[in-house]
Protein backbone atom coordinates (compact mmCIF):
# COMPACT_ATOMS: atom_id res chain seq x y z
CA MET A 1 75.91 44.28 98.87
CA LEU A 2 76.65 43.76 95.19
CA LEU A 3 79.46 45.88 93.70
CA ILE A 4 80.05 45.87 89.94
CA PRO A 5 82.61 48.10 88.17
CA ALA A 6 81.14 50.74 85.89
CA GLU A 7 84.40 52.48 85.02
CA ASN A 8 84.92 51.20 81.49
CA ARG A 9 82.57 50.47 78.64
CA ILE A 10 82.97 47.83 75.96
CA SER A 11 85.27 49.05 73.20
CA LYS A 12 84.00 48.71 69.65
CA GLN A 13 87.56 48.80 68.35
CA ASN A 14 88.78 46.21 70.86
CA PRO A 15 85.87 43.84 71.61
CA PRO A 16 86.26 41.33 74.48
CA ILE A 17 86.99 38.38 72.19
CA LEU A 18 88.87 36.35 74.81
CA THR A 19 86.22 36.88 77.48
CA ILE A 20 83.50 35.70 75.10
CA LEU A 21 85.65 32.70 74.10
CA ILE A 22 86.09 31.64 77.74
CA ILE A 23 82.35 31.99 78.28
CA LEU A 24 81.67 29.81 75.25
CA ILE A 25 84.11 27.15 76.53
CA ASN A 26 82.28 27.06 79.87
CA VAL A 27 78.87 26.87 78.21
CA VAL A 28 79.91 24.16 75.74
CA ALA A 29 81.57 22.16 78.54
CA PHE A 30 78.41 22.29 80.63
CA PHE A 31 75.96 21.26 77.92
CA SER A 32 78.19 18.75 76.13
CA LEU A 33 79.88 17.08 79.11
CA GLN A 34 77.64 17.64 82.12
CA SER A 35 74.11 17.34 80.76
CA ASN A 36 73.71 13.72 81.88
CA ASP A 37 75.69 13.84 85.14
CA ASP A 38 72.66 13.80 87.45
CA ASP A 39 71.10 10.83 85.67
CA ILE A 40 74.40 8.92 85.76
CA PHE A 41 74.93 9.63 89.46
CA TYR A 42 71.42 8.55 90.41
CA GLN A 43 71.84 5.45 88.24
CA GLY A 44 74.94 4.65 90.32
CA ILE A 45 73.01 5.18 93.57
CA ASP A 46 70.21 2.89 92.39
CA PHE A 47 72.72 0.20 91.37
CA TYR A 48 74.54 0.40 94.72
CA ILE A 49 71.29 0.01 96.66
CA GLU A 50 69.67 -2.64 94.41
CA GLU A 51 72.81 -4.83 94.46
CA ASP A 52 72.97 -4.46 98.27
CA MET A 53 76.58 -3.26 98.02
CA LEU A 54 76.20 -1.39 101.31
CA SER A 55 76.01 -4.74 103.12
CA LEU A 56 78.83 -6.16 101.02
CA GLU A 57 81.12 -3.24 101.81
CA GLN A 58 79.95 -2.65 105.40
CA LYS A 59 83.08 -3.94 107.08
CA ALA A 60 85.41 -2.15 104.63
CA LEU A 61 83.46 1.08 105.12
CA GLU A 62 83.71 0.87 108.88
CA ASP A 63 87.44 0.20 108.82
CA TYR A 64 88.11 2.93 106.26
CA SER A 65 85.86 5.59 107.78
CA PHE A 66 87.18 4.94 111.29
CA GLU A 67 90.66 5.86 110.07
CA GLU A 68 89.87 8.43 107.36
CA ARG A 69 86.39 9.91 107.80
CA GLY A 70 84.83 10.37 111.20
CA ASP A 71 81.69 11.90 109.68
CA LEU A 72 81.04 8.82 107.55
CA TYR A 73 81.77 6.48 110.45
CA ASP A 74 79.21 8.28 112.62
CA ALA A 75 76.64 8.06 109.81
CA LEU A 76 77.29 4.32 109.35
CA THR A 77 76.69 3.61 113.03
CA ASN A 78 73.54 5.76 113.15
CA SER A 79 70.50 3.71 112.24
CA ASN A 80 68.43 6.84 111.61
CA ILE A 81 70.54 7.88 108.62
CA PRO A 82 68.84 6.76 105.34
CA ASP A 83 70.81 4.58 102.95
CA GLU A 84 70.44 7.11 100.12
CA TYR A 85 72.35 9.70 102.16
CA LEU A 86 75.16 7.27 102.93
CA VAL A 87 75.43 6.08 99.35
CA GLN A 88 75.86 9.62 97.97
CA HIS A 89 78.87 10.18 100.24
CA ILE A 90 80.30 6.76 99.47
CA LEU A 91 80.12 7.23 95.72
CA LEU A 92 81.81 10.64 95.89
CA ASP A 93 84.70 9.22 97.89
CA GLN A 94 87.21 8.17 95.25
CA LYS A 95 89.77 7.37 97.93
CA PHE A 96 87.48 4.66 99.31
CA ALA A 97 87.07 3.21 95.81
CA LYS A 98 90.85 2.69 95.73
CA TYR A 99 90.91 1.41 99.31
CA VAL A 100 88.48 -1.46 98.76
CA LYS A 101 90.65 -2.91 95.99
CA SER A 102 93.56 -3.26 98.39
CA ARG A 103 91.66 -5.46 100.86
CA SER A 104 92.36 -9.16 101.13
CA ASP A 105 88.66 -9.95 101.47
CA TYR A 106 87.87 -8.27 98.13
CA SER A 107 85.84 -11.19 96.71
CA VAL A 108 85.03 -11.98 93.08
CA GLU A 109 81.37 -11.01 93.58
CA TRP A 110 82.40 -7.80 95.26
CA ARG A 111 84.93 -7.03 92.52
CA GLU A 112 82.40 -7.59 89.72
CA LYS A 113 79.83 -5.30 91.32
CA ARG A 114 82.40 -2.63 92.13
CA GLU A 115 83.73 -2.69 88.53
CA LYS A 116 80.18 -2.38 87.20
CA LEU A 117 79.53 0.56 89.53
CA GLU A 118 82.73 2.31 88.48
CA SER A 119 81.91 1.77 84.80
CA ILE A 120 78.59 3.57 85.40
CA LEU A 121 80.17 6.47 87.30
CA ALA A 122 83.02 6.81 84.81
CA GLU A 123 80.54 8.31 82.34
CA ALA A 124 79.94 11.29 84.66
CA SER A 125 82.12 14.32 83.99
CA LEU A 126 82.18 15.06 87.72
CA PHE A 127 84.54 12.13 88.32
CA GLN A 128 86.69 13.06 85.34
CA TYR A 129 87.06 16.82 85.62
CA ALA A 130 86.08 17.94 89.16
CA PHE A 131 88.82 18.56 91.71
CA PHE A 132 88.70 16.27 94.76
CA PRO A 133 90.99 17.45 97.60
CA SER A 134 91.06 13.85 98.83
CA ASP A 135 92.52 12.76 95.48
CA PRO A 136 94.15 15.87 93.95
CA SER A 137 95.56 16.02 90.44
CA LEU A 138 97.10 18.76 88.32
CA PHE A 139 94.72 17.91 85.46
CA THR A 140 91.54 18.50 87.49
CA ALA A 141 93.10 21.61 89.05
CA PHE A 142 92.80 23.10 85.55
CA THR A 143 89.60 21.45 84.32
CA HIS A 144 87.47 22.22 87.40
CA MET A 145 87.39 25.92 86.52
CA PHE A 146 85.42 25.20 83.34
CA MET A 147 82.76 23.00 85.00
CA HIS A 148 79.59 23.95 86.91
CA GLY A 149 77.14 22.38 89.32
CA ASP A 150 73.91 23.39 87.58
CA ILE A 151 72.46 25.87 85.09
CA GLY A 152 71.97 28.57 87.76
CA HIS A 153 75.61 28.23 88.80
CA LEU A 154 76.68 28.55 85.16
CA ILE A 155 74.54 31.62 84.39
CA GLY A 156 75.60 33.50 87.53
CA ASN A 157 79.28 32.82 86.91
CA MET A 158 79.12 33.78 83.24
CA ILE A 159 77.52 37.15 84.05
CA PHE A 160 80.37 38.01 86.42
CA LEU A 161 82.95 36.56 84.03
CA PHE A 162 81.73 38.94 81.34
CA LEU A 163 81.56 42.00 83.61
CA PHE A 164 85.07 41.60 84.99
CA GLY A 165 86.61 39.76 82.04
CA TYR A 166 86.01 42.49 79.47
CA ASN A 167 87.30 45.13 81.90
CA LEU A 168 90.55 43.31 82.52
CA GLU A 169 90.92 42.32 78.87
CA LEU A 170 90.61 45.99 77.93
CA LEU A 171 93.04 47.15 80.60
CA MET A 172 95.73 44.47 80.38
CA GLY A 173 95.37 42.81 77.01
CA ARG A 174 94.30 39.27 76.24
CA THR A 175 97.47 37.37 77.11
CA LYS A 176 97.79 38.83 80.60
CA MET A 177 94.07 38.58 81.25
CA PHE A 178 94.08 34.86 80.39
CA THR A 179 97.18 34.34 82.52
CA THR A 180 95.37 35.97 85.43
CA TYR A 181 92.30 33.79 84.88
CA ILE A 182 94.26 30.53 84.90
CA LEU A 183 96.60 31.40 87.79
CA SER A 184 93.65 32.65 89.84
CA GLY A 185 91.82 29.36 89.25
CA LEU A 186 94.89 27.45 90.43
CA ALA A 187 95.21 29.72 93.49
CA ALA A 188 91.54 29.13 94.28
CA VAL A 189 91.79 25.34 94.10
CA THR A 190 94.99 25.33 96.16
CA PHE A 191 93.47 27.50 98.87
CA PHE A 192 90.32 25.38 98.89
CA ALA A 193 92.29 22.15 99.21
CA ILE A 194 94.28 23.55 102.14
CA THR A 195 91.37 25.07 104.08
CA THR A 196 88.40 22.75 103.49
CA ASP A 197 87.39 20.43 106.33
CA ASP A 198 85.68 17.97 104.01
CA LYS A 199 88.32 16.71 101.59
CA PHE A 200 85.78 14.48 99.84
CA VAL A 201 83.52 17.22 98.45
CA PRO A 202 84.48 18.02 94.82
CA LEU A 203 85.19 21.55 93.63
CA VAL A 204 83.69 22.66 90.32
CA GLY A 205 83.06 26.07 88.82
CA ALA A 206 84.77 29.13 87.39
CA SER A 207 84.02 31.14 90.55
CA GLY A 208 87.59 31.06 91.84
CA ALA A 209 89.07 32.13 88.51
CA ILE A 210 86.43 34.86 88.15
CA ALA A 211 87.16 36.04 91.69
CA GLY A 212 90.75 36.36 90.49
CA LEU A 213 89.62 38.72 87.73
CA MET A 214 87.78 40.75 90.38
CA GLY A 215 90.91 40.89 92.53
CA GLY A 216 93.02 41.71 89.49
CA PHE A 217 90.71 44.58 88.52
CA ALA A 218 91.07 46.07 92.00
CA ALA A 219 94.85 45.58 91.98
CA TRP A 220 95.13 47.29 88.61
CA TYR A 221 93.60 50.52 89.91
CA GLY A 222 95.00 50.29 93.45
CA LEU A 223 94.11 53.35 95.50
CA LYS A 224 92.46 55.11 92.57
CA SER A 225 88.73 55.75 93.06
CA ILE A 226 86.64 53.76 90.59
CA ARG A 227 82.99 54.06 89.67
CA TYR A 228 80.94 51.07 90.88
CA PHE A 229 77.29 50.12 90.58
CA TYR A 230 75.98 48.96 93.97
CA TRP A 231 72.81 47.11 94.89
CA VAL A 232 71.59 46.55 98.45
CA PHE A 233 68.16 44.93 98.64
CA VAL A 234 66.01 47.46 96.69
CA ILE A 235 68.53 50.31 96.84
CA PHE A 236 70.90 50.75 93.91
CA ASN A 237 73.00 53.57 92.49
CA TYR A 238 76.56 54.46 91.49
CA VAL A 239 79.39 55.28 93.86
CA ARG A 240 83.12 56.00 93.53
CA LEU A 241 85.36 54.00 95.85
CA PRO A 242 89.09 53.25 96.02
CA ALA A 243 89.61 49.94 94.21
CA ALA A 244 91.87 48.60 96.98
CA LEU A 245 89.15 49.25 99.54
CA VAL A 246 86.69 47.24 97.46
CA LEU A 247 89.19 44.37 97.29
CA PHE A 248 89.40 44.26 101.09
CA TYR A 249 85.59 44.34 101.25
CA TRP A 250 85.36 41.35 98.87
CA LEU A 251 87.97 39.42 100.87
CA ALA A 252 86.24 40.16 104.18
CA LYS A 253 82.87 39.20 102.70
CA GLU A 254 84.14 35.74 101.71
CA LEU A 255 85.65 35.17 105.18
CA VAL A 256 82.41 36.16 106.93
CA GLN A 257 80.25 34.04 104.64
CA ASP A 258 82.56 31.05 105.09
CA SER A 259 82.27 31.29 108.87
CA MET A 260 78.51 31.87 108.95
CA SER A 261 77.04 29.95 106.00
CA SER A 262 76.21 26.27 105.90
CA ASP A 263 75.66 25.99 102.14
CA ASN A 264 77.88 24.23 99.61
CA VAL A 265 79.53 27.40 98.26
CA ALA A 266 83.34 27.27 98.29
CA TYR A 267 83.90 30.69 99.84
CA MET A 268 87.54 30.01 100.60
CA ALA A 269 88.13 29.17 96.93
CA HIS A 270 86.75 32.64 96.15
CA PHE A 271 89.07 34.11 98.79
CA GLY A 272 92.07 32.33 97.28
CA GLY A 273 91.08 33.43 93.78
CA LEU A 274 90.70 37.08 94.84
CA LEU A 275 94.08 37.06 96.54
CA GLY A 276 95.78 35.17 93.69
CA GLY A 277 94.34 37.46 91.00
CA ALA A 278 95.35 40.60 92.89
CA ILE A 279 98.91 39.37 93.38
CA CYS A 280 99.13 38.20 89.76
CA VAL A 281 98.08 41.57 88.32
CA TRP A 282 100.30 43.44 90.75
CA LEU A 283 103.27 41.39 89.57
CA LEU A 284 102.33 41.80 85.90
CA LYS A 285 102.20 45.56 86.38
CA LEU A 286 105.79 45.43 87.61
CA ILE A 287 106.91 43.90 84.34
CA ARG A 288 108.41 46.69 82.33
CA LEU A 289 107.02 47.34 78.88
CA SER A 290 109.36 47.14 75.93
CA PRO A 291 111.02 50.44 74.91
CA GLN A 292 108.88 50.61 71.77
CA ALA A 293 105.64 50.37 73.74
CA ALA A 294 106.77 52.73 76.50
CA THR A 295 108.29 55.56 74.44
CA THR A 296 105.87 58.41 73.84
CA THR A 297 108.11 61.22 72.70
CA THR A 298 109.34 60.07 69.30
CA GLU A 299 107.34 60.37 66.14
CA ASN A 300 107.43 56.68 65.30
CA THR A 301 105.92 55.34 68.53
CA THR A 302 102.44 55.41 70.04
CA GLU A 303 101.42 57.20 73.21
CA LEU A 304 100.36 54.92 76.01
CA ILE A 305 97.22 56.08 77.78
CA ASP A 306 95.64 53.80 80.41
CA VAL A 307 95.87 50.63 78.32
CA PRO A 308 99.41 49.26 78.00
CA ALA A 309 100.31 47.21 74.98
CA GLN A 310 101.03 43.55 75.50
CA ASP A 311 104.70 42.80 75.05
CA ASP A 312 104.05 40.81 71.89
CA GLN A 313 101.88 43.58 70.47
CA ALA A 314 104.48 46.34 70.58
CA ALA A 315 106.13 45.54 67.25
CA ARG A 316 102.79 45.15 65.47
CA ILE A 317 101.48 48.44 66.87
CA ASP A 318 104.66 50.25 65.93
CA ASN A 319 104.43 48.83 62.40
CA HIS A 320 100.81 49.97 62.04
CA TYR A 321 101.77 53.42 63.27
CA LYS A 322 104.62 53.80 60.80
CA GLN A 323 102.43 52.66 57.91
CA ALA A 324 99.63 55.01 58.99
CA VAL A 325 101.96 58.00 59.13
CA ALA A 326 103.45 57.08 55.74
CA ALA A 327 99.98 56.68 54.21
CA THR A 328 98.92 60.08 55.58
CA GLN A 329 101.99 61.74 54.09
CA GLY A 330 101.21 60.00 50.80
CA LEU A 331 97.61 61.31 50.98
CA ASN A 332 96.28 57.73 51.13
CA PHE A 333 93.86 58.59 53.92
CA GLU A 334 91.72 55.45 53.80
CA GLN A 335 94.75 53.23 54.25
CA ALA A 336 95.94 55.46 57.10
CA LYS A 337 92.56 55.10 58.82
CA THR A 338 92.76 51.32 58.54
CA HIS A 339 96.10 51.26 60.34
CA PHE A 340 95.02 53.73 63.01
CA TYR A 341 91.86 51.74 63.75
CA ALA A 342 94.00 48.60 64.01
CA ILE A 343 96.02 50.30 66.76
CA LEU A 344 92.87 51.37 68.59
CA ARG A 345 91.74 47.76 68.80
CA ASP A 346 94.62 47.25 71.24
CA GLN A 347 94.89 50.77 72.63
CA PRO A 348 91.44 52.39 72.59
CA HIS A 349 92.62 55.35 74.72
CA ASN A 350 95.71 56.19 72.66
CA LYS A 351 95.49 59.98 72.54
CA ASP A 352 97.94 60.49 69.70
CA VAL A 353 96.21 57.96 67.43
CA LEU A 354 92.73 59.25 68.33
CA SER A 355 93.84 62.80 67.51
CA ARG A 356 95.36 61.83 64.15
CA LEU A 357 92.36 59.69 63.25
CA TYR A 358 89.97 62.46 64.21
CA ASN A 359 91.71 64.90 61.86
CA LEU A 360 91.17 62.36 59.07
CA GLU A 361 87.53 61.53 59.86
CA LYS A 362 86.33 65.08 60.38
CA ALA A 363 86.87 65.71 56.67
CA SER A 364 83.63 63.73 56.20
CA PRO A 365 81.44 64.92 59.10
CA GLU A 366 78.34 63.33 57.58
CA SER A 367 79.80 59.80 57.80
CA SER A 368 78.82 57.31 60.50
CA TYR A 369 82.52 56.70 61.21
CA TYR A 370 82.96 60.32 62.22
CA ALA A 371 79.98 60.23 64.58
CA THR A 372 81.12 56.94 66.12
CA LEU A 373 84.64 58.26 66.64
CA CYS A 374 83.31 61.43 68.29
CA ALA A 375 81.13 59.32 70.58
CA ASP A 376 84.09 57.12 71.53
CA ILE A 377 86.31 60.12 72.26
CA MET A 378 83.65 61.88 74.34
CA GLN A 379 82.93 58.74 76.35
CA ALA A 380 86.62 58.01 76.91
CA SER A 381 87.22 61.57 78.09
CA VAL A 382 84.77 61.02 80.96
CA HIS A 383 87.28 58.63 82.54
CA ASN A 384 90.49 59.99 81.01
CA ASP A 385 91.17 63.70 81.55
CA SER A 386 94.00 63.72 79.02
CA LEU A 387 91.42 63.19 76.26
CA MET A 388 89.21 66.09 77.35
CA PRO A 389 90.79 68.69 74.98
CA LEU A 390 90.14 66.38 72.03
CA ALA A 391 86.58 65.76 73.24
CA GLU A 392 86.00 69.51 73.49
CA GLN A 393 87.25 69.87 69.93
CA CYS A 394 84.67 67.22 68.89
CA LEU A 395 82.02 69.21 70.77
CA ASN A 396 82.95 72.45 69.03
CA ASP A 397 83.13 70.85 65.56
CA LEU A 398 79.80 69.05 65.96
CA LYS A 399 78.20 72.32 67.01
CA HIS A 400 79.46 74.24 63.97
CA ASN A 401 79.54 71.72 61.12
CA GLY A 402 75.78 71.49 60.73
CA ILE A 403 75.59 67.88 61.96
CA GLY A 404 74.80 68.63 65.59
CA PHE A 405 74.71 66.17 68.46
CA LYS A 406 71.87 63.87 67.37
CA PRO A 407 74.19 61.14 66.00
CA ILE A 408 75.81 60.81 69.47
CA PRO A 409 74.02 58.38 71.84
CA ALA A 410 72.09 60.18 74.57
CA ASN A 411 73.83 58.36 77.43
CA ILE A 412 77.23 59.52 76.16
CA LEU A 413 76.03 63.11 75.86
CA LEU A 414 74.68 62.91 79.39
CA ASP A 415 77.87 61.44 80.88
CA PHE A 416 80.03 63.98 79.03
CA SER A 417 77.83 66.86 80.23
CA ARG A 418 78.03 65.65 83.83
CA LYS A 419 81.83 65.71 83.60
CA GLN A 420 81.76 69.24 82.15
CA VAL A 421 79.39 70.46 84.85
CA ARG A 422 81.69 69.10 87.56
CA HIS A 423 84.36 71.42 86.13
CA LYS A 424 81.85 74.31 85.97
CA LYS A 425 82.00 74.35 82.13
CA THR A 426 78.37 75.20 81.45
CA GLU A 427 78.50 77.47 78.41
CA PRO A 428 79.93 74.90 75.90
CA ILE A 429 77.32 72.25 76.74
CA LYS A 430 74.21 74.42 76.51
CA PRO A 431 73.35 72.99 73.05
CA ILE A 432 73.66 69.45 74.48
CA ILE A 433 71.41 70.33 77.40
CA THR A 434 68.84 71.75 74.99
CA LEU A 435 68.93 68.59 72.86
CA LEU A 436 68.56 66.30 75.88
CA VAL A 437 65.59 68.31 77.20
CA GLN A 438 63.85 68.35 73.83
CA HIS A 439 64.38 64.74 72.75
CA TYR A 440 65.44 62.69 75.77
CA HIS A 441 63.53 64.25 78.66
CA ASP A 442 62.70 60.80 80.09
CA LEU A 443 66.33 59.92 80.85
CA GLU A 444 66.55 58.89 84.48
CA LYS A 445 69.65 60.94 85.28
CA LEU A 446 68.64 64.07 83.35
CA PRO A 447 66.92 65.88 86.27
CA ASP A 448 70.06 65.55 88.42
CA LEU A 449 72.22 66.79 85.54
CA LEU A 450 69.94 69.82 85.05
CA LEU A 451 70.03 70.62 88.77
CA HIS A 452 73.82 70.60 88.88
CA PHE A 453 73.94 72.53 85.61
CA ALA A 454 71.70 75.23 87.11
CA PHE A 455 73.87 75.66 90.21
CA ALA A 456 77.07 75.67 88.13
CA ALA A 457 75.57 78.32 85.83
CA GLY A 458 74.78 80.46 88.88
CA GLN A 459 78.36 80.12 90.12
CA ASN A 460 79.53 81.26 86.69
CA GLY A 461 77.41 84.41 86.97
CA ASP A 462 74.52 83.28 84.76
CA TRP A 463 71.79 84.05 87.32
CA GLN A 464 69.01 84.25 84.72
CA GLY A 465 69.98 80.88 83.23
CA LYS A 466 70.05 79.30 86.68
CA GLN A 467 66.53 80.51 87.52
CA LYS A 468 65.20 79.37 84.15
CA VAL A 469 66.58 75.84 84.52
CA LEU A 470 65.43 75.54 88.15
CA GLY A 471 61.94 76.58 87.12
CA PHE A 472 61.90 73.98 84.34
CA ILE A 473 63.06 71.21 86.71
CA SER A 474 60.47 72.04 89.38
CA GLN A 475 57.65 71.95 86.81
CA LYS A 476 58.82 69.03 84.62
CA TYR A 477 60.08 66.72 87.38
CA PRO A 478 58.15 67.79 90.51
CA ASP A 479 58.23 64.33 92.16
CA THR A 480 61.97 63.75 91.81
CA PHE A 481 64.68 64.71 94.27
CA ALA A 482 66.02 67.21 91.74
CA GLY A 483 62.56 68.74 91.30
CA GLN A 484 62.10 69.19 95.03
CA GLU A 485 65.56 70.70 95.45
CA ALA A 486 64.91 73.07 92.53
CA LYS A 487 61.68 74.21 94.16
CA LYS A 488 63.48 74.89 97.46
CA ALA A 489 66.18 76.85 95.66
CA LEU A 490 63.57 79.00 93.90
CA GLN A 491 61.76 79.72 97.15
CA GLN A 492 65.00 80.73 98.84
CA GLY A 493 65.70 83.11 95.98
């Protein structure tokens, strides 16, 4: 089952710059460093076979593999194993390459061919940047997390890096998110090196570091229920689950796959990354914020809602806030807006700043900035109850200032209405419901919203409104679950 967080949306004021930068580094590394790796490796295989190095190194291989690698020794003594299979394992074994040079029977001919082979393989990034448990190094422990096996491996990893990276970058800030990424990658490679049975298979890929972002995301929310998108075969929908429970599911999934699968996926590296990322974020959360970032009661500090300021951001945020307040008092509203928006880039859920900025923007209700700010506030309020009063003020102002709700994206209106319906607040959102029905009737989730709206209206004593909406649903969406339920409700009276 695939589980992807759907709790936060990308912030326009605080775009995921670091996440995109890490993605670009991975993509550039793959296409600039790894594009010729397959050709180089197969060139090395061809050279090894054509120069009959297998015969030349036969005795050394037997002695080495008998002591170090039982699997290779068995393959050497099995006449049914093709040479190409043996050569691939030999070339990947950097420990053997060092071993042959220590032998007393290392002849001039042998040395010349081995040096030529190593000069060919040296061009492959795999031997420069992949992590080999048989020959570990601190350098490759870092570099492996920016390399990938093939284009499919790269694309899959980058999708998950974006989905979890922007979430953690928004929640923690860039410095702590990058710290989590790097430490998770190191935890993944350490766990892989300790647990793998085959020390001669190289580890490449950002999967372990990305798993750390997944574990970090779960650790950030802990026992709080988070909205996830799930996909099982052809079934997909949204569900709210405790983040900690999802972390245990991810960990168990990697353990089961490691014990049952025979592919080349480093499941235990994922396990180590998940665990390392969760521990890293848990520890970072214990770090106390500076007094300036934590204080919410004085006039000259910002209120912290959901997204804590990075330690090195506190002074800058406080400076922006002071300048914004001073500019407002001096009636320099455009300058004040600039400073408030600068704060929102780091703290998109800052209630105090959003409220002050809203009072400035609503003076020009026809502007695109006003509509965008209203949309941001309404969307944020879906996941942050403390912003709901401000969102309801936006709702009331939009309804009475002649602008209406058309400038607000339909998906935001729908999500906001669903939240209101859950709290049985049906009367304020009637204009939104009307707009959605008239202009966005094809929205997938609209029938369900209308059904819940109808029942909530009935609970609020609006029996006529309930019957009217149920009748509309049963006629407009007869083949949907909501349409069928509406029809049953009408028949039952």
